[in-house]
Amino acid sequence: MKAARAHQLYLPNNPIYKGAIDSVRAAFAPVWSQTEELELAFSETEILWNAHPVLSEEGKSSDSLPWLFYKDGVRELTIVKGFENEELVKLLDILQRVRKASPDEDDLLTLLWEADFLTLRYRYVDLAMEPAAPLADGGEIQQAPPSEIQQATSAAVEESRAQGVVNIQDFDSTLYFLDEPEIAYLQEEVRREYLVDLRNNVLAILLDIFEQQADAKVRVEALEHFETMMVHMLAAGHFRGVAYLLREAQVAAERSRDLQPEHQRRLSDLAAKVSTPEALGQLLQALDEAVELPPTEELGELFLQFRPTALATVFSWLTRLQNARLRPLLEAAAGRLASASTSELVRLVGASERDVATEAIRRCGALKAQAAVAALGKVLTNTNAALRLLAVQSLTEIGSPGALQALERAVEDADREVRIAAVRAFSSRSYRPVLVRLESMVKGKSIREADLTEKMAFFEGYGALCGDAGIEFLDSLLNGKGFLGRREDGELRACAAMALGRIATIKATESLRKATSEKDVVVRNAVNKALRGVGA
């Protein structure tokens, strides 16, 4: 009654409504521990269980639950286990409609019939055809005492035995009656048999037929079945079966005798169809939006069957996945496909879709793909600074002479971050061929307009590569004086001190010691830091 009232007053998202429904469902649990069915009878003012009133109400209003059933002819309800999970809300909807119904609308009996309940049965009387009280209110059913019922039952059993009727109890103690372990074994085997997925068995049979029967008509029919079953299994979420079909189809293509090229192509197309952007995109979208994912093993097996053509779609979805459980599986598939098909990976470096190109550039660096050097070099001319920076990082990770040579142009890139990343890459790799470019930068005017971080990166890179040949220039910046005794800018002198620290020779150390008493705090700190770096 509380649930019916809450259903009438509140919306389904209201906490009071949810609490009332949960209370009803919880209250059924102890009932189902005792019985599989609950029978309730209705009088005008009472609900009865086994002739005992469990609810009594005064009056015959629309708020009276007993009267609501009784007035429309419903005399008994039988509630079956599971009713509270599936059809409780449906019954509450009907009760609410009956309370608000006008005389011209359907009555309770009609609504119950239309609802077609599975876990709720009812018994009713036709009020129009039975003018006499069909289950008189207050009447009692005459029932024999339990002792008489037991005696009558025993007599009936004895009579059946006398007439030769077989009784299973007679075999309980015979030699051939099953022991408990045997019964348990049979039950387990029956359960295991019911759990077997027949779809894989059917596929195995079809694959055997395809391999052993060289007749073209037989193989074409088998191929049609493969294509149909793959679509059905994908729609049903049976990914393990799809993976099994794709894997075994390749085996069948290798082992089948006298296989025609057309049949070979159709077998190969099974995996190619799953890897197309349209099919794979829909599959990944469905998985990403699913409340519950299929078992990880099933998805892993399916992803193993992707072809290199799936790489672009996989890269694209990596940036928009919302499902945290799906991401590591797709990451693993992306890594496997990228490793197995370097040519496809290199092609995607120049993809028009930015997400795809970004992921491809990263993967080239992670795999140290030498074949991608030329493609990454072209990216350095791209108008997108973020892509150019990624290309610099990937070329740095590849680290081959060709990669570093392609990276040289990035020293003069229009973007500050790209320039700094390139210089640091040359410094870490001790790539001396770029020294000429660096020297022109540190001696040019453009470096004076850069911020401190960029100045420091260029000077430290220059110091790491120039050796003693650059000390004279750096010493002139740090300790030299210009016209009227003026010195260079403090930041530039500090950068020169750090560059001398990277050279770290005796001559460079002597140049640094000249500036230990420098009054400029920035320069003095840089000198002391450089001296600590060389252990002086």
Foldseek 3Di string as FASTA:
>chain_A
DLQLVCLLPDDPVDPSNVVSLVVVVVVCVVVVVPHFKFKWFADQAFIDGPNHGPGGDDDQALVRPRNLCVVVFWTMKMFGPPCSPPPPVVLSVLSSCQSVDDPVDDGSVVSVVVVPDDGMDIDGDDCVVPVDPPPDPPDDDDDDDPVVVVVVVVVVVVVCVVVPNDDPVVCCPDPPDDDPVVVVVVVVVVVVVVPDDCLLVVLVVLLVCLQPDPDPVSVVVSLVVLLVVLVVCLVVQVLLSLLVLLVVLVVSLVRHPPDDPVSNVSSPVSQVVCLALVNVVVSLVCQLPDPDHDDPVSLLSNLVSHALSNLLNLLVVLVPRDDPVVNVSSVVSNLVSCVVCVPSLLVQCPPPDPSSVLVSLQSCLVVLPPVNLVSLLVQCPDPDVVSVQSSLNSLLSNPDPSSLVSLLVQCPRPDLSSNLSNLVSCLVSLPQVSLVVLVCVLPDDVLVVDDLSSLLSSLLSNLLHVAPVCLVVLLCQQPNADPPRHHDDQSSNLSSLQSLLNNLDPSSLVSLVVCCVPPPPSNNVSSVVSCVSSVD
